């Protein structure tokens, strides 16, 4: 229930000017690791840096200027004896024995790595480059692009989703990409937050930005998806095939001792969702087979991977499995491990022994004349059953083995055993289906509806601000956009404070709360909200009770509680 204004909100009727010049959105920055042309390497011993306008290099360790350069000048940087050397294009040394990191910045241009291309264009980047030594790796450094999150998203959204999918789908992608960079599934990099490839989310930089996707980022500025007051882990893939999967049925949980547990720990907001209402759970062979060998009407039908088929002759697949099972054994998802290809044998049968709610294969048993090998987890399963060195599009798969006898006129031809894999979808199938989002947008759904279809019990909100009595931390400002004239102020009352001042589109509101055991209190501010751009400023009055942070945000669309 929302708090009633007559009880908890004292309104100053006069329109007031902003009390302070407060920068909006808190300047959240992100560090992106830049890879090589093939997206395979993030560790460098040398590079050539440039910019589209005049730029300069600094040694961060001493905060000293190394040199300034005209635009399009190539500058060589290498590392030896764990120290940086900066050279001109003719190899003459400008500076050496630099501890770094080396900062590359241009006031009016984009920084770039010479000859690096993204989407067929020169790779230009907003923000700055920081060349930083890799911990515990001698004579190697990372190239890190440091920039504002909103600028980063402009280089992500059009590369993760086709712009033709439309504004609302792009907005959904922008929100989830924002969530992902602020809360990635894994932090496996020492020097940067996310990588620039499909291993994280695709980031191609400023030269791939497009007008419609820029608008999607702009009109969802600072908007995130939250569950129970915390940012959700926002996963997405190309095509779910008409039914998404529970998080735990596709991902493992990595423990600190190196053990991988599968199924993983569940996430309450990432549960399998069918596009067709009342579709039964597909966790058995019969239901999965019926669903993935037909083409029911779903949000994913437009995808070229909505339904697919892969075929092998028996000997062909045996040769594939001898290689892939060894690789996946090393990753820890094949039981028993296959270390010697001679121990594989001849295929007798292939069965999916465990499925998720979407029919996704969680365990596949491969029977041979030398025993049984079990492959677990969707990605190892996809990588095990390769065709022409390409993994299965998804683990929403059923298998059939058929022996084809020769016709009488070819009586000397031996029977051929064929293995067929039929399935649906492309990618892990957890969270949002991008093709599904495109179809939902086409049907008139807003981005909030798209997100809430794929993520249960999830609210669409502004990014939570934290206020405290520390100097410069007692105020914050946000700009957000709404299609409807409705919004709710959510205030965390964890530490039982009593007052907060907010300025909503020029109206000053004093929020007064009675200390309670509830963690969050909500106040309907819809009467002060307008369609389009809205501005809110949070001001925390000084109090001895405010020694710990106070969190507040605007809820644009309330979570729909579903079991």
Protein backbone atom coordinates (compact mmCIF):
# COMPACT_ATOMS: atom_id res chain seq x y z
CA UNK A 1 0.00 0.00 0.00
CA UNK A 2 1.15 3.53 -0.71
CA UNK A 3 1.37 6.02 2.14
CA UNK A 4 -1.37 8.64 2.16
CA UNK A 5 -0.17 12.17 1.55
CA UNK A 6 -2.39 13.63 4.28
CA UNK A 7 -0.54 11.57 6.83
CA UNK A 8 2.98 11.26 5.55
CA UNK A 9 3.64 13.96 2.99
CA UNK A 10 3.73 17.69 3.70
CA UNK A 11 3.65 19.70 0.47
CA UNK A 12 5.05 23.15 -0.03
CA UNK A 13 2.73 24.60 -2.68
CA UNK A 14 5.12 27.17 -4.14
CA UNK A 15 7.23 26.23 -7.13
CA UNK A 16 10.84 26.56 -6.07
CA UNK A 17 14.09 26.81 -7.94
CA UNK A 18 16.57 24.00 -7.41
CA UNK A 19 18.43 24.50 -4.17
CA UNK A 20 21.72 23.22 -5.52
CA UNK A 21 23.23 22.60 -8.94
CA UNK A 22 23.20 18.83 -8.68
CA UNK A 23 24.51 16.70 -11.55
CA UNK A 24 21.96 14.13 -12.66
CA UNK A 25 22.53 10.39 -12.59
CA UNK A 26 25.64 10.34 -10.43
CA UNK A 27 28.11 9.99 -13.32
CA UNK A 28 28.22 6.20 -13.08
CA UNK A 29 31.32 5.08 -14.95
CA UNK A 30 32.21 1.74 -16.49
CA UNK A 31 35.53 0.16 -17.40
CA UNK A 32 35.32 -1.91 -20.60
CA UNK A 33 38.09 -4.25 -21.67
CA UNK A 34 38.87 -3.80 -25.38
CA UNK A 35 39.84 -6.97 -27.24
CA UNK A 36 41.66 -7.63 -30.49
CA UNK A 37 40.05 -7.87 -33.93
CA UNK A 38 38.81 -11.43 -33.31
CA UNK A 39 37.54 -10.74 -29.76
CA UNK A 40 39.92 -13.41 -28.49
CA UNK A 41 42.62 -11.54 -26.62
CA UNK A 42 42.54 -8.89 -23.88
CA UNK A 43 46.24 -9.06 -23.01
CA UNK A 44 48.73 -7.01 -25.02
CA UNK A 45 52.48 -6.46 -25.12
CA UNK A 46 52.22 -3.56 -27.56
CA UNK A 47 49.63 -1.47 -29.36
CA UNK A 48 49.21 1.58 -31.58
CA UNK A 49 46.89 4.28 -30.25
CA UNK A 50 45.37 7.29 -31.98
CA UNK A 51 42.37 9.66 -31.87
CA UNK A 52 40.18 11.46 -34.38
CA UNK A 53 41.20 14.87 -32.95
CA UNK A 54 44.13 16.20 -30.94
CA UNK A 55 44.91 14.01 -27.93
CA UNK A 56 47.40 13.57 -25.12
CA UNK A 57 49.03 10.81 -23.12
CA UNK A 58 49.56 10.93 -19.36
CA UNK A 59 51.35 8.74 -16.87
CA UNK A 60 48.76 8.15 -14.17
CA UNK A 61 51.33 7.02 -11.61
CA UNK A 62 52.92 10.48 -11.57
CA UNK A 63 49.98 12.45 -12.96
CA UNK A 64 52.37 13.90 -15.53
CA UNK A 65 51.87 14.74 -19.20
CA UNK A 66 53.85 12.51 -21.54
CA UNK A 67 53.10 14.32 -24.78
CA UNK A 68 50.38 15.89 -26.93
CA UNK A 69 49.56 14.84 -30.49
CA UNK A 70 47.58 15.99 -33.51
CA UNK A 71 44.54 14.00 -34.55
CA UNK A 72 45.15 10.78 -36.52
CA UNK A 73 48.73 10.54 -35.27
CA UNK A 74 49.76 6.97 -34.48
CA UNK A 75 51.54 6.46 -31.17
CA UNK A 76 53.22 3.15 -30.34
CA UNK A 77 53.13 1.85 -26.79
CA UNK A 78 54.89 -1.30 -25.59
CA UNK A 79 55.78 -2.89 -22.29
CA UNK A 80 59.17 -4.36 -21.34
CA UNK A 81 60.47 -5.23 -17.90
CA UNK A 82 56.96 -4.30 -16.71
CA UNK A 83 57.50 -0.67 -17.69
CA UNK A 84 55.86 1.24 -20.55
CA UNK A 85 57.66 2.84 -23.48
CA UNK A 86 55.94 5.42 -25.70
CA UNK A 87 57.24 5.89 -29.24
CA UNK A 88 56.42 7.87 -32.33
CA UNK A 89 55.40 6.05 -35.50
CA UNK A 90 59.06 6.04 -36.67
CA UNK A 91 60.02 4.19 -33.44
CA UNK A 92 61.77 7.20 -31.91
CA UNK A 93 61.27 7.08 -28.15
CA UNK A 94 59.20 9.81 -26.51
CA UNK A 95 59.21 8.39 -22.98
CA UNK A 96 60.27 5.16 -21.30
CA UNK A 97 60.40 3.44 -17.91
CA UNK A 98 56.86 4.60 -17.20
CA UNK A 99 55.03 2.76 -14.43
CA UNK A 100 51.61 3.61 -15.86
CA UNK A 101 48.73 3.24 -16.22
CA UNK A 102 48.96 5.27 -19.43
CA UNK A 103 45.95 7.53 -20.01
CA UNK A 104 44.86 8.47 -23.54
CA UNK A 105 42.34 11.31 -23.75
CA UNK A 106 40.94 13.62 -26.42
CA UNK A 107 38.79 16.65 -25.60
CA UNK A 108 36.97 16.77 -28.94
CA UNK A 109 37.60 13.43 -30.60
CA UNK A 110 37.28 9.69 -30.19
CA UNK A 111 40.17 7.51 -29.04
CA UNK A 112 40.97 4.44 -31.10
CA UNK A 113 43.31 1.51 -31.60
CA UNK A 114 44.96 1.70 -35.02
CA UNK A 115 43.48 -0.71 -37.58
CA UNK A 116 40.91 -2.08 -35.11
CA UNK A 117 37.48 -2.44 -36.72
CA UNK A 118 34.04 -3.14 -35.36
CA UNK A 119 31.10 -3.97 -37.65
CA UNK A 120 33.36 -3.19 -40.59
CA UNK A 121 34.12 0.35 -39.40
CA UNK A 122 37.09 1.91 -37.58
CA UNK A 123 36.55 1.36 -33.86
CA UNK A 124 36.08 4.79 -32.26
CA UNK A 125 35.45 5.15 -28.53
CA UNK A 126 34.02 7.85 -26.31
CA UNK A 127 35.69 8.55 -22.98
CA UNK A 128 39.35 7.72 -22.37
CA UNK A 129 41.70 4.77 -22.72
CA UNK A 130 43.67 3.46 -19.80
CA UNK A 131 46.50 1.04 -20.50
CA UNK A 132 46.98 -0.90 -17.28
CA UNK A 133 49.38 -3.69 -16.38
CA UNK A 134 47.79 -7.09 -15.84
CA UNK A 135 48.23 -8.37 -12.27
CA UNK A 136 50.41 -11.47 -11.98
CA UNK A 137 51.23 -11.41 -15.71
CA UNK A 138 54.63 -10.02 -16.64
CA UNK A 139 54.84 -7.61 -19.56
CA UNK A 140 51.16 -7.59 -20.44
CA UNK A 141 48.57 -4.85 -20.25
CA UNK A 142 44.87 -4.31 -20.83
CA UNK A 143 43.36 -1.63 -23.03
CA UNK A 144 40.45 -0.25 -21.01
CA UNK A 145 37.82 2.19 -22.25
CA UNK A 146 36.50 4.27 -19.33
CA UNK A 147 33.27 6.15 -19.97
CA UNK A 148 29.86 7.06 -18.61
CA UNK A 149 27.40 4.15 -18.51
CA UNK A 150 24.86 5.96 -20.71
CA UNK A 151 27.50 6.65 -23.38
CA UNK A 152 28.61 3.02 -23.15
CA UNK A 153 25.06 1.80 -23.77
CA UNK A 154 24.89 3.73 -27.05
CA UNK A 155 27.64 1.43 -28.32
CA UNK A 156 25.90 -1.68 -26.97
CA UNK A 157 22.19 -1.51 -27.82
CA UNK A 158 22.37 -1.42 -31.67
CA UNK A 159 24.93 -4.22 -31.61
CA UNK A 160 22.98 -6.47 -29.28
CA UNK A 161 19.60 -5.97 -30.97
CA UNK A 162 18.64 -5.12 -34.57
CA UNK A 163 17.39 -1.53 -34.68
CA UNK A 164 14.53 -2.70 -36.92
CA UNK A 165 12.95 -4.34 -33.86
CA UNK A 166 11.58 -0.91 -32.92
CA UNK A 167 11.83 1.66 -30.15
CA UNK A 168 10.10 -0.25 -27.35
CA UNK A 169 12.17 -3.38 -27.91
CA UNK A 170 15.32 -1.24 -27.99
CA UNK A 171 14.25 0.41 -24.74
CA UNK A 172 13.87 -3.00 -23.11
CA UNK A 173 17.33 -3.90 -24.39
CA UNK A 174 18.76 -0.63 -23.06
CA UNK A 175 17.34 -1.20 -19.57
CA UNK A 176 18.59 -4.78 -19.40
CA UNK A 177 22.00 -3.84 -20.80
CA UNK A 178 22.20 -1.14 -18.13
CA UNK A 179 21.33 -3.68 -15.46
CA UNK A 180 23.91 -6.09 -16.84
CA UNK A 181 26.81 -3.65 -16.77
CA UNK A 182 25.89 -2.46 -13.27
CA UNK A 183 25.42 -6.05 -12.07
CA UNK A 184 27.20 -8.57 -14.33
CA UNK A 185 26.77 -12.31 -13.75
CA UNK A 186 30.47 -12.77 -13.12
CA UNK A 187 33.34 -10.41 -12.41
CA UNK A 188 36.19 -12.40 -13.88
CA UNK A 189 38.44 -9.51 -14.89
CA UNK A 190 40.90 -7.76 -12.58
CA UNK A 191 41.22 -4.40 -14.32
CA UNK A 192 37.82 -3.85 -15.91
CA UNK A 193 34.12 -4.40 -15.25
CA UNK A 194 32.98 -5.99 -18.52
CA UNK A 195 34.49 -7.16 -21.78
CA UNK A 196 33.42 -5.96 -25.22
CA UNK A 197 32.38 -9.33 -26.71
CA UNK A 198 29.52 -11.82 -26.52
CA UNK A 199 31.19 -13.24 -23.42
CA UNK A 200 29.70 -10.18 -21.66
CA UNK A 201 27.62 -8.00 -23.95
CA UNK A 202 28.66 -6.70 -27.35
CA UNK A 203 30.16 -3.19 -27.30
CA UNK A 204 31.43 -1.77 -30.59
CA UNK A 205 31.90 1.88 -29.62
CA UNK A 206 30.77 5.22 -31.00
CA UNK A 207 31.08 4.47 -34.71
CA UNK A 208 28.16 2.01 -34.58
CA UNK A 209 25.70 4.25 -32.73
CA UNK A 210 22.33 4.77 -34.42
CA UNK A 211 19.65 7.41 -33.95
CA UNK A 212 16.81 5.13 -32.82
CA UNK A 213 18.92 3.13 -30.38
CA UNK A 214 20.40 6.39 -29.02
CA UNK A 215 16.83 7.53 -28.39
CA UNK A 216 16.08 4.28 -26.58
CA UNK A 217 19.04 4.85 -24.27
CA UNK A 218 18.11 8.52 -23.77
CA UNK A 219 14.46 7.84 -22.97
CA UNK A 220 15.33 5.13 -20.46
CA UNK A 221 18.18 7.07 -18.89
CA UNK A 222 18.94 5.75 -15.41
CA UNK A 223 16.05 3.24 -15.58
CA UNK A 224 16.69 -0.26 -14.22
CA UNK A 225 14.77 -3.44 -13.40
CA UNK A 226 14.61 -4.44 -9.73
CA UNK A 227 13.34 -7.30 -7.63
CA UNK A 228 12.73 -6.76 -3.92
CA UNK A 229 14.71 -3.52 -3.97
CA UNK A 230 17.80 -4.94 -5.69
CA UNK A 231 18.96 -4.83 -9.31
CA UNK A 232 18.17 -8.03 -11.13
CA UNK A 233 20.74 -9.98 -13.06
CA UNK A 234 19.41 -9.14 -16.52
CA UNK A 235 20.19 -11.98 -18.90
CA UNK A 236 18.97 -12.19 -22.47
CA UNK A 237 19.57 -14.24 -25.59
CA UNK A 238 18.63 -14.12 -29.24
CA UNK A 239 15.73 -16.58 -29.34
CA UNK A 240 14.09 -18.60 -26.58
CA UNK A 241 12.06 -20.70 -28.98
CA UNK A 242 8.74 -19.77 -27.42
CA UNK A 243 9.49 -20.73 -23.81
CA UNK A 244 12.24 -19.32 -21.56
CA UNK A 245 14.06 -21.34 -18.91
CA UNK A 246 14.67 -21.12 -15.16
CA UNK A 247 18.08 -19.61 -14.40
CA UNK A 248 19.25 -22.54 -12.29
CA UNK A 249 18.49 -25.05 -15.05
CA UNK A 250 20.95 -23.41 -17.44
CA UNK A 251 23.70 -21.98 -15.22
CA UNK A 252 25.93 -23.38 -12.54
CA UNK A 253 27.05 -21.78 -9.30
CA UNK A 254 30.82 -21.41 -8.91
CA UNK A 255 32.03 -21.86 -5.35
CA UNK A 256 35.13 -20.20 -3.91
CA UNK A 257 36.96 -23.55 -3.78
CA UNK A 258 36.60 -23.93 -7.55
CA UNK A 259 33.70 -26.38 -7.42
CA UNK A 260 30.87 -25.86 -9.90
CA UNK A 261 27.40 -26.80 -8.73
CA UNK A 262 24.76 -27.66 -11.29
CA UNK A 263 21.87 -26.94 -11.26
CA UNK A 264 22.81 -23.50 -9.96
CA UNK A 265 21.22 -21.38 -7.27
CA UNK A 266 17.76 -20.22 -8.41
CA UNK A 267 16.82 -16.60 -8.94
CA UNK A 268 13.14 -15.91 -8.14
CA UNK A 269 12.65 -13.42 -10.95
CA UNK A 270 14.19 -15.62 -13.68
CA UNK A 271 11.68 -18.41 -14.11
CA UNK A 272 10.68 -20.11 -17.33
CA UNK A 273 7.90 -18.27 -19.15
CA UNK A 274 5.86 -19.59 -22.09
CA UNK A 275 4.72 -17.14 -24.75
CA UNK A 276 1.48 -19.10 -25.12
CA UNK A 277 -0.65 -18.91 -22.01
CA UNK A 278 -1.43 -22.27 -20.39
CA UNK A 279 1.39 -24.05 -22.22
CA UNK A 280 2.27 -27.02 -20.00
CA UNK A 281 5.69 -27.44 -18.47
CA UNK A 282 7.95 -29.16 -21.00
CA UNK A 283 10.14 -31.05 -18.53
CA UNK A 284 9.35 -34.46 -20.02
CA UNK A 285 10.26 -36.03 -23.34
CA UNK A 286 6.72 -36.20 -24.69
CA UNK A 287 5.88 -32.53 -24.07
CA UNK A 288 9.26 -31.28 -25.28
CA UNK A 289 9.04 -33.38 -28.45
CA UNK A 290 5.54 -32.13 -29.24
CA UNK A 291 6.54 -28.49 -28.72
CA UNK A 292 9.86 -28.46 -30.61
CA UNK A 293 8.75 -30.57 -33.57
CA UNK A 294 5.84 -28.21 -34.29
CA UNK A 295 5.58 -24.46 -34.84
CA UNK A 296 3.11 -23.01 -32.36
CA UNK A 297 2.41 -19.29 -32.56
CA UNK A 298 4.80 -17.52 -30.16
CA UNK A 299 6.69 -14.23 -29.93
CA UNK A 300 9.76 -15.95 -31.42
CA UNK A 301 8.41 -17.22 -34.74
CA UNK A 302 10.18 -14.54 -36.81
CA UNK A 303 13.60 -15.78 -35.73
CA UNK A 304 15.50 -17.91 -38.26
CA UNK A 305 16.36 -20.12 -35.28
CA UNK A 306 12.79 -20.56 -34.04
CA UNK A 307 13.04 -24.20 -35.15
CA UNK A 308 16.11 -25.95 -36.55
CA UNK A 309 17.48 -29.39 -37.46
CA UNK A 310 21.01 -30.84 -37.40
CA UNK A 311 21.94 -34.23 -38.84
CA UNK A 312 24.96 -36.52 -38.62
CA UNK A 313 25.84 -39.92 -39.93
CA UNK A 314 26.76 -42.17 -37.02
CA UNK A 315 30.49 -42.28 -37.77
CA UNK A 316 30.56 -38.52 -38.27
CA UNK A 317 29.02 -37.84 -34.85
CA UNK A 318 31.25 -40.41 -33.16
CA UNK A 319 34.31 -38.56 -34.46
CA UNK A 320 32.84 -35.29 -33.21
CA UNK A 321 32.07 -36.67 -29.75
CA UNK A 322 35.53 -38.17 -29.31
CA UNK A 323 36.91 -34.64 -29.51
CA UNK A 324 34.21 -32.60 -27.79
CA UNK A 325 33.70 -34.96 -24.87
CA UNK A 326 37.40 -34.70 -24.02
CA UNK A 327 37.14 -30.90 -24.05
CA UNK A 328 33.98 -30.81 -21.95
CA UNK A 329 35.42 -33.41 -19.58
CA UNK A 330 38.23 -30.97 -18.82
CA UNK A 331 35.58 -28.31 -18.05
CA UNK A 332 34.01 -30.65 -15.50
CA UNK A 333 30.61 -31.39 -17.03
CA UNK A 334 31.07 -34.92 -18.43
CA UNK A 335 30.71 -38.00 -16.22
CA UNK A 336 32.73 -40.16 -16.38
CA UNK A 337 35.46 -38.08 -17.97
CA UNK A 338 36.64 -39.09 -21.40
CA UNK A 339 40.42 -38.69 -21.54
CA UNK A 340 41.18 -41.18 -24.31
CA UNK A 341 39.16 -41.18 -27.54
CA UNK A 342 39.70 -44.94 -27.85
CA UNK A 343 37.51 -45.37 -24.76
CA UNK A 344 34.45 -43.85 -26.42
CA UNK A 345 33.23 -46.76 -28.55
CA UNK A 346 30.27 -46.91 -30.90
CA UNK A 347 27.03 -44.96 -30.34
CA UNK A 348 24.04 -47.06 -29.30
CA UNK A 349 21.61 -44.38 -28.12
CA UNK A 350 21.29 -40.74 -27.04
CA UNK A 351 18.71 -39.73 -24.45
CA UNK A 352 17.90 -36.51 -22.59
CA UNK A 353 17.61 -37.72 -19.00
CA UNK A 354 16.69 -34.40 -17.43
CA UNK A 355 14.94 -31.33 -18.82
CA UNK A 356 14.08 -27.89 -17.53
CA UNK A 357 10.64 -26.29 -17.61
CA UNK A 358 11.15 -25.15 -21.23
CA UNK A 359 12.25 -28.61 -22.30
CA UNK A 360 15.88 -27.48 -22.24
CA UNK A 361 18.27 -30.41 -21.92
CA UNK A 362 20.03 -30.36 -18.57
CA UNK A 363 21.54 -33.84 -18.79
CA UNK A 364 22.17 -35.88 -21.93
CA UNK A 365 23.18 -39.54 -21.73
CA UNK A 366 25.28 -40.90 -24.58
CA UNK A 367 25.23 -44.72 -24.65
CA UNK A 368 28.01 -46.58 -26.41
CA UNK A 369 29.19 -50.16 -26.48
CA UNK A 370 31.83 -49.13 -23.94
CA UNK A 371 29.54 -47.43 -21.42
CA UNK A 372 27.52 -44.28 -20.77
CA UNK A 373 28.72 -40.66 -20.81
CA UNK A 374 26.54 -37.97 -19.24
CA UNK A 375 26.88 -34.33 -20.28
CA UNK A 376 25.40 -31.68 -17.99
CA UNK A 377 24.43 -28.02 -18.47
CA UNK A 378 23.12 -26.28 -21.57
CA UNK A 379 26.36 -24.76 -22.89
CA UNK A 380 28.49 -27.92 -22.55
CA UNK A 381 25.65 -29.87 -24.20
CA UNK A 382 25.56 -27.41 -27.11
CA UNK A 383 29.34 -27.54 -27.45
CA UNK A 384 29.36 -31.34 -27.34
CA UNK A 385 27.01 -31.86 -30.30
CA UNK A 386 28.82 -29.86 -32.96
CA UNK A 387 28.11 -29.84 -36.67
CA UNK A 388 30.89 -28.52 -38.91
CA UNK A 389 32.64 -27.23 -35.76
CA UNK A 390 29.58 -25.17 -34.81
CA UNK A 391 27.73 -25.82 -31.55
CA UNK A 392 24.01 -26.50 -31.37
CA UNK A 393 21.97 -23.28 -31.52
CA UNK A 394 20.39 -24.12 -28.16
CA UNK A 395 19.87 -27.01 -25.75
CA UNK A 396 16.12 -27.09 -26.45
CA UNK A 397 16.72 -30.32 -28.32
CA UNK A 398 15.37 -33.78 -28.98
CA UNK A 399 17.37 -36.62 -30.52
CA UNK A 400 16.39 -39.38 -32.92
CA UNK A 401 18.48 -42.27 -34.20
CA UNK A 402 17.36 -43.97 -37.39
CA UNK A 403 18.95 -46.70 -39.46
CA UNK A 404 18.21 -46.29 -43.15
CA UNK A 405 18.34 -49.52 -45.11
CA UNK A 406 19.41 -49.45 -48.78
CA UNK A 407 16.97 -50.02 -51.57
CA UNK A 408 17.02 -53.47 -53.22
CA UNK A 409 18.81 -52.13 -56.30
CA UNK A 410 21.69 -51.20 -54.00
CA UNK A 411 21.82 -54.49 -52.13
CA UNK A 412 25.56 -54.24 -51.62
CA UNK A 413 25.25 -50.87 -49.88
CA UNK A 414 25.42 -51.06 -46.09
CA UNK A 415 22.68 -49.54 -43.89
CA UNK A 416 23.35 -45.96 -42.75
CA UNK A 417 22.60 -44.87 -39.20
CA UNK A 418 21.58 -41.22 -38.97
CA UNK A 419 21.33 -39.10 -35.81
CA UNK A 420 19.00 -36.09 -35.96
CA UNK A 421 18.79 -33.25 -33.46
CA UNK A 422 15.73 -31.04 -33.70
CA UNK A 423 15.11 -28.05 -31.51
CA UNK A 424 14.23 -24.41 -31.10
CA UNK A 425 15.92 -21.19 -30.09
CA UNK A 426 19.38 -19.67 -30.17
CA UNK A 427 21.38 -19.02 -27.01
CA UNK A 428 20.86 -19.93 -23.37
CA UNK A 429 17.16 -19.02 -23.39
CA UNK A 430 17.14 -17.45 -19.93
CA UNK A 431 15.61 -14.03 -19.35
CA UNK A 432 14.53 -11.92 -22.31
CA UNK A 433 14.27 -13.33 -25.81
CA UNK A 434 15.41 -10.56 -28.15
CA UNK A 435 13.34 -11.78 -31.09
CA UNK A 436 10.43 -12.13 -28.69
CA UNK A 437 10.91 -8.54 -27.54
CA UNK A 438 10.86 -7.41 -31.15
CA UNK A 439 7.55 -9.16 -31.78
CA UNK A 440 6.03 -7.84 -28.55
CA UNK A 441 7.01 -4.31 -29.56
CA UNK A 442 5.45 -4.89 -32.97
CA UNK A 443 2.23 -5.92 -31.24
CA UNK A 444 2.14 -2.70 -29.22
CA UNK A 445 3.65 -3.74 -25.90
CA UNK A 446 5.72 -1.11 -24.07
CA UNK A 447 9.24 -1.81 -22.87
CA UNK A 448 8.03 -2.19 -19.29
CA UNK A 449 5.57 -4.89 -20.39
CA UNK A 450 8.29 -6.68 -22.33
CA UNK A 451 10.62 -6.77 -19.33
CA UNK A 452 7.86 -7.87 -16.96
CA UNK A 453 6.83 -10.66 -19.32
CA UNK A 454 10.29 -12.19 -19.17
CA UNK A 455 11.24 -11.28 -15.59
CA UNK A 456 8.67 -12.07 -12.92
CA UNK A 457 8.10 -9.98 -9.78
CA UNK A 458 10.21 -7.20 -11.28
CA UNK A 459 9.64 -3.46 -10.93
CA UNK A 460 10.80 -0.81 -13.40
CA UNK A 461 12.48 1.98 -11.44
CA UNK A 462 15.13 4.66 -11.46
CA UNK A 463 18.55 3.60 -10.23
CA UNK A 464 18.52 3.85 -6.40
CA UNK A 465 20.36 6.85 -5.00
CA UNK A 466 22.19 6.67 -1.68
CA UNK A 467 22.19 9.72 0.58
CA UNK A 468 24.11 10.33 3.76
CA UNK A 469 25.42 13.15 5.96
CA UNK A 470 28.82 13.02 4.26
CA UNK A 471 29.79 16.18 2.41
CA UNK A 472 28.45 16.07 -1.12
CA UNK A 473 26.46 12.90 -0.44
CA UNK A 474 23.32 14.51 0.99
CA UNK A 475 21.80 15.40 -2.41
CA UNK A 476 21.21 13.62 -5.71
CA UNK A 477 19.22 14.29 -8.87
CA UNK A 478 17.69 12.15 -11.60
CA UNK A 479 15.93 12.64 -14.91
CA UNK A 480 13.49 9.98 -16.06
CA UNK A 481 10.86 9.53 -18.76
CA UNK A 482 7.35 8.13 -18.44
CA UNK A 483 4.57 7.43 -20.93
CA UNK A 484 1.98 7.56 -18.16
CA UNK A 485 1.49 10.26 -15.55
CA UNK A 486 2.15 7.91 -12.69
CA UNK A 487 5.04 7.11 -10.41
CA UNK A 488 5.76 6.09 -6.84
CA UNK A 489 8.55 7.30 -4.58
CA UNK A 490 10.15 4.37 -2.77
CA UNK A 491 12.20 5.11 0.34
CA UNK A 492 14.22 2.54 2.22
CA UNK A 493 13.45 2.81 5.91
CA UNK A 494 15.91 0.18 7.02
CA UNK A 495 17.51 2.48 9.58
CA UNK A 496 14.20 4.08 10.59
CA UNK A 497 14.88 7.68 9.63
CA UNK A 498 11.95 10.09 9.56
CA UNK A 499 12.42 12.84 6.94
CA UNK A 500 13.43 13.29 3.32
CA UNK A 501 12.91 16.26 0.99
CA UNK A 502 12.30 15.67 -2.71
CA UNK A 503 11.74 18.18 -5.50
CA UNK A 504 9.57 16.69 -8.28
CA UNK A 505 9.30 18.84 -11.41
CA UNK A 506 9.73 21.98 -9.32
CA UNK A 507 7.45 20.97 -6.42
CA UNK A 508 9.13 20.59 -3.06
CA UNK A 509 7.77 17.72 -1.00
CA UNK A 510 8.71 16.87 2.57
CA UNK A 511 8.34 13.17 3.23
CA UNK A 512 7.69 12.35 6.88
CA UNK A 513 7.69 8.76 8.02
CA UNK A 514 6.89 7.04 11.25
CA UNK A 515 9.66 4.59 12.12
CA UNK A 516 8.49 1.06 11.47
CA UNK A 517 9.78 -2.43 10.91
CA UNK A 518 9.03 -2.25 7.18
CA UNK A 519 12.12 -1.93 4.99
CA UNK A 520 10.47 0.15 2.27
CA UNK A 521 7.78 2.80 2.29
CA UNK A 522 6.02 3.99 -0.86
CA UNK A 523 4.49 7.38 -1.64
CA UNK A 524 2.33 8.05 -4.68
CA UNK A 525 3.73 11.12 -6.48
CA UNK A 526 1.65 10.70 -9.64
CA UNK A 527 -0.01 14.12 -9.34
CA UNK A 528 3.41 15.75 -9.84
CA UNK A 529 4.44 13.54 -12.76
CA UNK A 530 4.04 14.50 -16.41
CA UNK A 531 4.30 12.50 -19.62
CA UNK A 532 7.79 12.64 -21.02
CA UNK A 533 10.72 14.09 -19.10
CA UNK A 534 10.57 14.34 -15.30
CA UNK A 535 13.13 15.64 -12.86
CA UNK A 536 13.53 14.67 -9.23
CA UNK A 537 16.01 15.93 -6.66
CA UNK A 538 16.56 14.17 -3.34
CA UNK A 539 17.76 16.22 -0.35
CA UNK A 540 18.52 14.57 2.99
CA UNK A 541 18.13 16.97 5.96
CA UNK A 542 20.89 16.63 8.48
CA UNK A 543 20.10 14.34 11.37
CA UNK A 544 22.08 12.26 13.80
CA UNK A 545 19.98 9.32 12.56
CA UNK A 546 21.45 9.64 9.06
CA UNK A 547 24.91 8.30 9.77
CA UNK A 548 24.12 5.34 7.55
CA UNK A 549 23.03 5.64 3.90
CA UNK A 550 19.42 6.24 2.94
CA UNK A 551 18.22 4.72 -0.36
CA UNK A 552 15.45 6.14 -2.52
CA UNK A 553 14.18 5.72 -6.06
CA UNK A 554 11.15 6.25 -8.29
CA UNK A 555 9.08 3.24 -9.25
CA UNK A 556 7.66 3.74 -12.75
CA UNK A 557 5.91 0.39 -12.94
CA UNK A 558 5.15 -1.77 -9.94
CA UNK A 559 6.16 -5.41 -9.86
CA UNK A 560 3.43 -7.91 -10.65
CA UNK A 561 3.64 -10.52 -7.92
CA UNK A 562 3.45 -14.00 -9.42
CA UNK A 563 4.26 -17.34 -7.92
